[in-house]
Structure formats: C-alpha cells, structure tokens
C-alpha cells in the first residue's frame, strides 16, 4: 500500500530551523517524482520544492537558498531542511509522491501534512 507520512513540524522562532521528514512506503523508489507543498491559512496549496528521481531539485523562489530537499534511500525518507525561517513560512507542509500508471498518466499521492508555525 502506498503511503506517505510527514513528521517534524512544530513551533519555531523566526530565524530558526526545522527538518521535516516524509517516510515513503512501500519504497521511495515507488515514485518517479517527490515534492513538498505547503498551505498557509486562507491560501491555496503551493509548491515548495521538487525532487525528481534523477536531475536537479527545483525550489520556489520564496524558499530558494533557505530550504533544501534531500533523501535517504536506505530509510525510504525524503527530508526538507528549513533554515532562516520566517513567519510567512507558517503553513501545513505536505509530502507528495507521483507514480506513473500503465497508461503513462501521473498519479498523485499525498501525506496528511505536518504543521509548521514560525513565531515573530
């Protein structure tokens, strides 16, 4: 069964750091692309960064240089290291994994999200 589970959210002061984790099952290799999204109160969900199976990571302009996506294949886990956090980074952060079906269409899978709150 495909499952994505986020962890690591919490309350942090502005300027601080947090690392989010996304545990993927049955395997991180089940997905040809993984990503982090976030949704702030009253706003639409937005892309934070993308990690393709091969190739370079891509980040939203708002987090470029502050956030880093990485992976540990042995642990089937993707990470989001967030540094220099700002109050506007406050949001629920979601892990996304994309599979390809037999017809070549993308199938999106989502975790339930983890809340990050950045105080002034």
C-alpha atoms as a PDB file:
ATOM      1  CA  UNK A   1       0.000   0.000   0.000  1.00  0.00           C
ATOM      2  CA  UNK A   2       1.352   3.387  -0.987  1.00  0.00           C
ATOM      3  CA  UNK A   3       1.701   5.714   1.971  1.00  0.00           C
ATOM      4  CA  UNK A   4       3.434   8.989   2.758  1.00  0.00           C
ATOM      5  CA  UNK A   5       3.812  10.117   6.356  1.00  0.00           C
ATOM      6  CA  UNK A   6       5.213  13.504   7.334  1.00  0.00           C
ATOM      7  CA  UNK A   7       6.795  14.360  10.657  1.00  0.00           C
ATOM      8  CA  UNK A   8       8.956  17.032  12.233  1.00  0.00           C
ATOM      9  CA  UNK A   9       6.642  20.012  12.287  1.00  0.00           C
ATOM     10  CA  UNK A  10       6.330  22.275  15.279  1.00  0.00           C
ATOM     11  CA  UNK A  11       6.736  25.763  16.650  1.00  0.00           C
ATOM     12  CA  UNK A  12       9.953  27.654  15.984  1.00  0.00           C
ATOM     13  CA  UNK A  13      11.053  31.261  16.313  1.00  0.00           C
ATOM     14  CA  UNK A  14      11.835  33.365  13.276  1.00  0.00           C
ATOM     15  CA  UNK A  15      15.380  32.726  12.131  1.00  0.00           C
ATOM     16  CA  UNK A  16      15.321  29.171  13.425  1.00  0.00           C
ATOM     17  CA  UNK A  17      15.453  25.835  11.649  1.00  0.00           C
ATOM     18  CA  UNK A  18      13.378  22.699  11.338  1.00  0.00           C
ATOM     19  CA  UNK A  19      13.758  19.478   9.416  1.00  0.00           C
ATOM     20  CA  UNK A  20      10.695  17.739   8.092  1.00  0.00           C
ATOM     21  CA  UNK A  21      10.667  14.075   7.159  1.00  0.00           C
ATOM     22  CA  UNK A  22       8.486  12.163   4.737  1.00  0.00           C
ATOM     23  CA  UNK A  23       8.505   8.417   5.157  1.00  0.00           C
ATOM     24  CA  UNK A  24       7.516   6.658   1.942  1.00  0.00           C
ATOM     25  CA  UNK A  25       6.147   3.166   1.631  1.00  0.00           C
ATOM     26  CA  UNK A  26       6.487   0.633   0.206  1.00  0.00           C
ATOM     27  CA  UNK A  27       9.625   2.336  -1.135  1.00  0.00           C
ATOM     28  CA  UNK A  28      10.871   5.781  -2.043  1.00  0.00           C
ATOM     29  CA  UNK A  29      11.607   4.285  -5.451  1.00  0.00           C
ATOM     30  CA  UNK A  30       7.854   3.768  -5.915  1.00  0.00           C
ATOM     31  CA  UNK A  31       7.693   7.399  -7.040  1.00  0.00           C
ATOM     32  CA  UNK A  32       9.322   8.970 -10.066  1.00  0.00           C
ATOM     33  CA  UNK A  33       8.992  12.395  -8.520  1.00  0.00           C
ATOM     34  CA  UNK A  34       8.535  13.628  -4.978  1.00  0.00           C
ATOM     35  CA  UNK A  35       7.863  17.095  -3.699  1.00  0.00           C
ATOM     36  CA  UNK A  36       6.994  19.261  -0.736  1.00  0.00           C
ATOM     37  CA  UNK A  37       3.976  21.540  -0.817  1.00  0.00           C
ATOM     38  CA  UNK A  38       2.565  23.865   1.798  1.00  0.00           C
ATOM     39  CA  UNK A  39      -0.724  25.529   2.537  1.00  0.00           C
ATOM     40  CA  UNK A  40      -0.961  28.595   4.711  1.00  0.00           C
ATOM     41  CA  UNK A  41      -4.222  29.574   6.420  1.00  0.00           C
ATOM     42  CA  UNK A  42      -6.633  31.056   3.904  1.00  0.00           C
ATOM     43  CA  UNK A  43      -4.323  30.392   0.974  1.00  0.00           C
ATOM     44  CA  UNK A  44      -4.029  27.807  -1.760  1.00  0.00           C
ATOM     45  CA  UNK A  45      -1.571  24.958  -1.594  1.00  0.00           C
ATOM     46  CA  UNK A  46       1.739  25.921  -3.174  1.00  0.00           C
ATOM     47  CA  UNK A  47       4.808  24.075  -4.319  1.00  0.00           C
ATOM     48  CA  UNK A  48       7.858  24.358  -2.065  1.00  0.00           C
ATOM     49  CA  UNK A  49      10.275  22.164  -3.946  1.00  0.00           C
ATOM     50  CA  UNK A  50      10.536  19.177  -6.246  1.00  0.00           C
ATOM     51  CA  UNK A  51      12.920  16.241  -6.142  1.00  0.00           C
ATOM     52  CA  UNK A  52      12.852  14.182  -9.343  1.00  0.00           C
ATOM     53  CA  UNK A  53      14.232  10.649  -9.314  1.00  0.00           C
ATOM     54  CA  UNK A  54      17.095  11.974 -11.397  1.00  0.00           C
ATOM     55  CA  UNK A  55      18.116  15.535 -12.057  1.00  0.00           C
ATOM     56  CA  UNK A  56      18.249  18.704 -10.052  1.00  0.00           C
ATOM     57  CA  UNK A  57      15.968  19.818  -7.284  1.00  0.00           C
ATOM     58  CA  UNK A  58      13.774  22.803  -8.033  1.00  0.00           C
ATOM     59  CA  UNK A  59      12.628  25.265  -5.385  1.00  0.00           C
ATOM     60  CA  UNK A  60      10.066  28.018  -5.166  1.00  0.00           C
ATOM     61  CA  UNK A  61      11.600  31.489  -5.283  1.00  0.00           C
ATOM     62  CA  UNK A  62      10.294  32.179  -1.783  1.00  0.00           C
ATOM     63  CA  UNK A  63      12.412  29.400  -0.248  1.00  0.00           C
ATOM     64  CA  UNK A  64      15.395  29.259  -2.623  1.00  0.00           C
ATOM     65  CA  UNK A  65      18.618  29.377  -0.615  1.00  0.00           C
ATOM     66  CA  UNK A  66      16.870  28.660   2.687  1.00  0.00           C
ATOM     67  CA  UNK A  67      15.248  25.256   2.159  1.00  0.00           C
ATOM     68  CA  UNK A  68      16.913  22.061   0.964  1.00  0.00           C
ATOM     69  CA  UNK A  69      15.344  18.781  -0.099  1.00  0.00           C
ATOM     70  CA  UNK A  70      17.302  15.587   0.386  1.00  0.00           C
ATOM     71  CA  UNK A  71      16.664  11.869   0.561  1.00  0.00           C
ATOM     72  CA  UNK A  72      17.910   8.765   2.323  1.00  0.00           C
ATOM     73  CA  UNK A  73      17.144   5.816   0.077  1.00  0.00           C
ATOM     74  CA  UNK A  74      18.005   3.255   2.753  1.00  0.00           C
ATOM     75  CA  UNK A  75      15.408   4.801   5.054  1.00  0.00           C
ATOM     76  CA  UNK A  76      12.867   5.445   2.288  1.00  0.00           C
ATOM     77  CA  UNK A  77      12.681   9.001   3.546  1.00  0.00           C
ATOM     78  CA  UNK A  78      12.688  12.445   1.971  1.00  0.00           C
ATOM     79  CA  UNK A  79      13.641  15.472   4.034  1.00  0.00           C
ATOM     80  CA  UNK A  80      13.013  19.187   3.932  1.00  0.00           C
ATOM     81  CA  UNK A  81      15.648  21.175   5.804  1.00  0.00           C
ATOM     82  CA  UNK A  82      14.281  24.626   6.518  1.00  0.00           C
ATOM     83  CA  UNK A  83      16.663  27.356   7.677  1.00  0.00           C
ATOM     84  CA  UNK A  84      16.219  31.057   8.351  1.00  0.00           C
ATOM     85  CA  UNK A  85      12.528  30.503   8.862  1.00  0.00           C
ATOM     86  CA  UNK A  86      10.159  33.434   8.548  1.00  0.00           C
ATOM     87  CA  UNK A  87       6.639  33.922   9.921  1.00  0.00           C
ATOM     88  CA  UNK A  88       5.348  33.706   6.344  1.00  0.00           C
ATOM     89  CA  UNK A  89       6.641  30.120   6.205  1.00  0.00           C
ATOM     90  CA  UNK A  90       3.896  29.165   8.642  1.00  0.00           C
ATOM     91  CA  UNK A  91       1.786  26.506   6.949  1.00  0.00           C
ATOM     92  CA  UNK A  92       0.841  22.873   6.841  1.00  0.00           C
ATOM     93  CA  UNK A  93       3.539  21.104   4.865  1.00  0.00           C
ATOM     94  CA  UNK A  94       2.589  18.170   2.685  1.00  0.00           C
ATOM     95  CA  UNK A  95       4.652  15.427   1.147  1.00  0.00           C
ATOM     96  CA  UNK A  96       3.725  14.500  -2.421  1.00  0.00           C
ATOM     97  CA  UNK A  97       4.780  11.467  -4.412  1.00  0.00           C
ATOM     98  CA  UNK A  98       3.961  10.844  -8.051  1.00  0.00           C
ATOM     99  CA  UNK A  99       3.645   7.439  -9.654  1.00  0.00           C
ATOM    100  CA  UNK A 100       3.045   6.659 -13.293  1.00  0.00           C
ATOM    101  CA  UNK A 101       0.226   4.291 -14.201  1.00  0.00           C
ATOM    102  CA  UNK A 102       0.302   1.749 -17.017  1.00  0.00           C
ATOM    103  CA  UNK A 103      -1.112   4.371 -19.388  1.00  0.00           C
ATOM    104  CA  UNK A 104       1.670   6.811 -18.609  1.00  0.00           C
ATOM    105  CA  UNK A 105      -0.514   9.114 -16.551  1.00  0.00           C
ATOM    106  CA  UNK A 106       0.690  10.600 -13.276  1.00  0.00           C
ATOM    107  CA  UNK A 107      -0.976   9.510 -10.051  1.00  0.00           C
ATOM    108  CA  UNK A 108      -0.553  11.830  -7.087  1.00  0.00           C
ATOM    109  CA  UNK A 109      -0.215  10.576  -3.532  1.00  0.00           C
ATOM    110  CA  UNK A 110      -0.302  12.846  -0.508  1.00  0.00           C
ATOM    111  CA  UNK A 111       0.561  12.690   3.140  1.00  0.00           C
ATOM    112  CA  UNK A 112      -1.726  14.166   5.770  1.00  0.00           C
ATOM    113  CA  UNK A 113       0.590  17.084   6.445  1.00  0.00           C
ATOM    114  CA  UNK A 114       2.568  18.468   9.335  1.00  0.00           C
ATOM    115  CA  UNK A 115       2.090  21.936  10.801  1.00  0.00           C
ATOM    116  CA  UNK A 116       4.964  24.388  10.939  1.00  0.00           C
ATOM    117  CA  UNK A 117       4.424  27.571  12.929  1.00  0.00           C
ATOM    118  CA  UNK A 118       7.038  30.312  12.881  1.00  0.00           C
ATOM    119  CA  UNK A 119       6.636  32.959  15.553  1.00  0.00           C
ATOM    120  CA  UNK A 120       7.920  36.534  15.414  1.00  0.00           C
END
